[in-house]
């Protein structure tokens, strides 16, 4: 009988440990969500190589890595604003027949803000230009 009680006590202790671990995980997730987006984004960007950041990051890629404040992914407008505050600029890379795709890259001193990079210009030479409106 005492072996049964000892086994039962071990099982209860294991269950309490699992519940405590689950509770710590929920608290950590809530704390992470309430951390300002700029801080979470800066932490994420440290894990991305600088060469990749210069090539450009899509908003969708970053969005899937960052949780929203309440549920789901963070809002694209808030993410764009946080990227600008961290020194990123948006490039629109036009594609023939498909419109454009926006990529965010680190601002460089050798180009004006909003100007397409030499990478964009070389890649899109075969792309028809939109007429000025």
C-alpha atoms as a PDB file:
ATOM      1  CA  UNK A   1       0.000   0.000   0.000  1.00  0.00           C
ATOM      2  CA  UNK A   2       2.827   2.423   0.819  1.00  0.00           C
ATOM      3  CA  UNK A   3       4.370   1.792  -2.637  1.00  0.00           C
ATOM      4  CA  UNK A   4       1.057   2.769  -4.213  1.00  0.00           C
ATOM      5  CA  UNK A   5       0.899   6.003  -2.167  1.00  0.00           C
ATOM      6  CA  UNK A   6       4.523   6.826  -3.008  1.00  0.00           C
ATOM      7  CA  UNK A   7       3.802   6.336  -6.729  1.00  0.00           C
ATOM      8  CA  UNK A   8       0.691   8.470  -6.441  1.00  0.00           C
ATOM      9  CA  UNK A   9       2.654  11.232  -4.703  1.00  0.00           C
ATOM     10  CA  UNK A  10       5.280  11.163  -7.486  1.00  0.00           C
ATOM     11  CA  UNK A  11       2.553  11.399 -10.153  1.00  0.00           C
ATOM     12  CA  UNK A  12       0.907  14.354  -8.393  1.00  0.00           C
ATOM     13  CA  UNK A  13       4.258  16.117  -8.015  1.00  0.00           C
ATOM     14  CA  UNK A  14       4.981  15.630 -11.745  1.00  0.00           C
ATOM     15  CA  UNK A  15       1.554  17.013 -12.625  1.00  0.00           C
ATOM     16  CA  UNK A  16       2.153  20.080 -10.439  1.00  0.00           C
ATOM     17  CA  UNK A  17       5.544  20.628 -12.093  1.00  0.00           C
ATOM     18  CA  UNK A  18       3.964  20.444 -15.568  1.00  0.00           C
ATOM     19  CA  UNK A  19       1.251  22.909 -14.572  1.00  0.00           C
ATOM     20  CA  UNK A  20       3.818  25.329 -13.135  1.00  0.00           C
ATOM     21  CA  UNK A  21       5.880  25.104 -16.349  1.00  0.00           C
ATOM     22  CA  UNK A  22       2.787  25.766 -18.466  1.00  0.00           C
ATOM     23  CA  UNK A  23       1.908  28.773 -16.302  1.00  0.00           C
ATOM     24  CA  UNK A  24       5.454  30.182 -16.654  1.00  0.00           C
ATOM     25  CA  UNK A  25       5.164  29.785 -20.431  1.00  0.00           C
ATOM     26  CA  UNK A  26       1.876  31.697 -20.510  1.00  0.00           C
ATOM     27  CA  UNK A  27       3.320  34.480 -18.375  1.00  0.00           C
ATOM     28  CA  UNK A  28       6.396  34.742 -20.623  1.00  0.00           C
ATOM     29  CA  UNK A  29       4.194  34.918 -23.735  1.00  0.00           C
ATOM     30  CA  UNK A  30       2.066  37.670 -22.175  1.00  0.00           C
ATOM     31  CA  UNK A  31       5.188  39.595 -21.147  1.00  0.00           C
ATOM     32  CA  UNK A  32       6.593  39.260 -24.685  1.00  0.00           C
ATOM     33  CA  UNK A  33       3.372  40.559 -26.254  1.00  0.00           C
ATOM     34  CA  UNK A  34       3.384  43.604 -23.993  1.00  0.00           C
ATOM     35  CA  UNK A  35       7.000  44.475 -24.838  1.00  0.00           C
ATOM     36  CA  UNK A  36       7.038  47.421 -27.290  1.00  0.00           C
ATOM     37  CA  UNK A  37       7.147  46.391 -30.937  1.00  0.00           C
ATOM     38  CA  UNK A  38      10.373  48.316 -31.589  1.00  0.00           C
ATOM     39  CA  UNK A  39      12.177  46.337 -28.883  1.00  0.00           C
ATOM     40  CA  UNK A  40      10.865  42.997 -30.178  1.00  0.00           C
ATOM     41  CA  UNK A  41      11.737  43.976 -33.757  1.00  0.00           C
ATOM     42  CA  UNK A  42      15.258  45.060 -32.782  1.00  0.00           C
ATOM     43  CA  UNK A  43      15.740  41.716 -31.015  1.00  0.00           C
ATOM     44  CA  UNK A  44      14.519  39.853 -34.128  1.00  0.00           C
ATOM     45  CA  UNK A  45      16.774  41.880 -36.437  1.00  0.00           C
ATOM     46  CA  UNK A  46      19.865  40.949 -34.436  1.00  0.00           C
ATOM     47  CA  UNK A  47      19.262  37.342 -35.504  1.00  0.00           C
ATOM     48  CA  UNK A  48      19.117  38.274 -39.223  1.00  0.00           C
ATOM     49  CA  UNK A  49      22.499  38.731 -40.995  1.00  0.00           C
ATOM     50  CA  UNK A  50      23.261  42.317 -42.031  1.00  0.00           C
ATOM     51  CA  UNK A  51      23.756  41.237 -45.676  1.00  0.00           C
ATOM     52  CA  UNK A  52      20.196  39.922 -45.767  1.00  0.00           C
ATOM     53  CA  UNK A  53      18.942  43.145 -44.200  1.00  0.00           C
ATOM     54  CA  UNK A  54      20.674  45.160 -46.945  1.00  0.00           C
ATOM     55  CA  UNK A  55      19.079  42.974 -49.643  1.00  0.00           C
ATOM     56  CA  UNK A  56      15.641  43.606 -48.191  1.00  0.00           C
ATOM     57  CA  UNK A  57      13.099  41.957 -45.926  1.00  0.00           C
ATOM     58  CA  UNK A  58       9.459  41.526 -46.788  1.00  0.00           C
ATOM     59  CA  UNK A  59       6.878  42.752 -44.329  1.00  0.00           C
ATOM     60  CA  UNK A  60       5.155  39.356 -44.405  1.00  0.00           C
ATOM     61  CA  UNK A  61       8.362  37.565 -43.356  1.00  0.00           C
ATOM     62  CA  UNK A  62       8.816  39.860 -40.381  1.00  0.00           C
ATOM     63  CA  UNK A  63       5.137  39.758 -39.498  1.00  0.00           C
ATOM     64  CA  UNK A  64       5.097  35.982 -39.100  1.00  0.00           C
ATOM     65  CA  UNK A  65       7.958  36.206 -36.610  1.00  0.00           C
ATOM     66  CA  UNK A  66       6.322  38.865 -34.444  1.00  0.00           C
ATOM     67  CA  UNK A  67       3.178  38.270 -32.436  1.00  0.00           C
ATOM     68  CA  UNK A  68       0.511  40.930 -32.147  1.00  0.00           C
ATOM     69  CA  UNK A  69      -0.426  42.581 -28.887  1.00  0.00           C
ATOM     70  CA  UNK A  70      -3.696  40.698 -28.538  1.00  0.00           C
ATOM     71  CA  UNK A  71      -3.715  37.837 -31.035  1.00  0.00           C
ATOM     72  CA  UNK A  72      -2.308  36.810 -34.375  1.00  0.00           C
ATOM     73  CA  UNK A  73       0.508  38.690 -36.052  1.00  0.00           C
ATOM     74  CA  UNK A  74       1.405  42.332 -35.533  1.00  0.00           C
ATOM     75  CA  UNK A  75      -0.323  44.995 -37.626  1.00  0.00           C
ATOM     76  CA  UNK A  76       1.520  45.864 -40.877  1.00  0.00           C
ATOM     77  CA  UNK A  77       1.175  49.614 -40.292  1.00  0.00           C
ATOM     78  CA  UNK A  78       2.714  49.396 -36.835  1.00  0.00           C
ATOM     79  CA  UNK A  79       5.503  47.186 -38.177  1.00  0.00           C
ATOM     80  CA  UNK A  80       6.289  49.648 -40.984  1.00  0.00           C
ATOM     81  CA  UNK A  81       6.430  52.519 -38.515  1.00  0.00           C
ATOM     82  CA  UNK A  82       8.760  50.562 -36.215  1.00  0.00           C
ATOM     83  CA  UNK A  83      11.022  49.691 -39.180  1.00  0.00           C
ATOM     84  CA  UNK A  84      11.274  53.369 -40.145  1.00  0.00           C
ATOM     85  CA  UNK A  85      12.218  54.293 -36.574  1.00  0.00           C
ATOM     86  CA  UNK A  86      14.998  51.692 -36.734  1.00  0.00           C
ATOM     87  CA  UNK A  87      16.423  53.230 -39.936  1.00  0.00           C
ATOM     88  CA  UNK A  88      14.850  51.025 -42.611  1.00  0.00           C
ATOM     89  CA  UNK A  89      13.414  52.301 -45.880  1.00  0.00           C
ATOM     90  CA  UNK A  90      10.839  50.686 -48.140  1.00  0.00           C
ATOM     91  CA  UNK A  91      11.770  49.813 -51.719  1.00  0.00           C
ATOM     92  CA  UNK A  92       9.143  48.964 -54.284  1.00  0.00           C
ATOM     93  CA  UNK A  93      10.467  46.396 -56.717  1.00  0.00           C
ATOM     94  CA  UNK A  94       8.332  46.416 -59.830  1.00  0.00           C
ATOM     95  CA  UNK A  95       7.731  43.232 -61.757  1.00  0.00           C
ATOM     96  CA  UNK A  96       6.324  42.936 -65.257  1.00  0.00           C
ATOM     97  CA  UNK A  97       2.617  42.223 -65.123  1.00  0.00           C
ATOM     98  CA  UNK A  98       2.581  41.634 -61.366  1.00  0.00           C
ATOM     99  CA  UNK A  99       2.804  45.116 -59.906  1.00  0.00           C
ATOM    100  CA  UNK A 100       5.345  45.645 -57.166  1.00  0.00           C
ATOM    101  CA  UNK A 101       6.626  43.953 -54.053  1.00  0.00           C
ATOM    102  CA  UNK A 102       7.743  46.036 -51.119  1.00  0.00           C
ATOM    103  CA  UNK A 103      11.000  45.170 -49.379  1.00  0.00           C
ATOM    104  CA  UNK A 104      12.450  46.904 -46.338  1.00  0.00           C
ATOM    105  CA  UNK A 105      16.199  47.423 -46.199  1.00  0.00           C
ATOM    106  CA  UNK A 106      18.636  49.417 -44.120  1.00  0.00           C
ATOM    107  CA  UNK A 107      19.036  52.998 -45.281  1.00  0.00           C
ATOM    108  CA  UNK A 108      22.425  53.574 -46.859  1.00  0.00           C
ATOM    109  CA  UNK A 109      24.301  56.848 -47.149  1.00  0.00           C
ATOM    110  CA  UNK A 110      24.987  56.392 -50.876  1.00  0.00           C
ATOM    111  CA  UNK A 111      21.361  56.822 -51.916  1.00  0.00           C
ATOM    112  CA  UNK A 112      18.562  59.219 -51.214  1.00  0.00           C
ATOM    113  CA  UNK A 113      15.597  58.015 -49.165  1.00  0.00           C
ATOM    114  CA  UNK A 114      12.940  56.543 -51.421  1.00  0.00           C
ATOM    115  CA  UNK A 115      15.312  56.080 -54.352  1.00  0.00           C
ATOM    116  CA  UNK A 116      15.559  52.589 -55.746  1.00  0.00           C
ATOM    117  CA  UNK A 117      18.805  50.746 -55.219  1.00  0.00           C
ATOM    118  CA  UNK A 118      21.152  49.777 -58.045  1.00  0.00           C
ATOM    119  CA  UNK A 119      19.994  46.217 -57.411  1.00  0.00           C
ATOM    120  CA  UNK A 120      16.424  47.292 -58.189  1.00  0.00           C
ATOM    121  CA  UNK A 121      17.456  49.139 -61.336  1.00  0.00           C
ATOM    122  CA  UNK A 122      19.556  46.276 -62.712  1.00  0.00           C
ATOM    123  CA  UNK A 123      16.914  43.679 -61.943  1.00  0.00           C
ATOM    124  CA  UNK A 124      14.022  45.624 -63.405  1.00  0.00           C
ATOM    125  CA  UNK A 125      15.508  46.800 -66.719  1.00  0.00           C
ATOM    126  CA  UNK A 126      13.170  44.542 -68.652  1.00  0.00           C
ATOM    127  CA  UNK A 127      10.190  45.803 -66.680  1.00  0.00           C
ATOM    128  CA  UNK A 128       8.035  48.387 -68.444  1.00  0.00           C
ATOM    129  CA  UNK A 129       7.935  51.663 -66.547  1.00  0.00           C
ATOM    130  CA  UNK A 130       4.614  53.075 -65.477  1.00  0.00           C
ATOM    131  CA  UNK A 131       3.767  56.332 -67.245  1.00  0.00           C
ATOM    132  CA  UNK A 132       3.775  59.401 -64.986  1.00  0.00           C
ATOM    133  CA  UNK A 133       0.335  60.469 -63.882  1.00  0.00           C
END
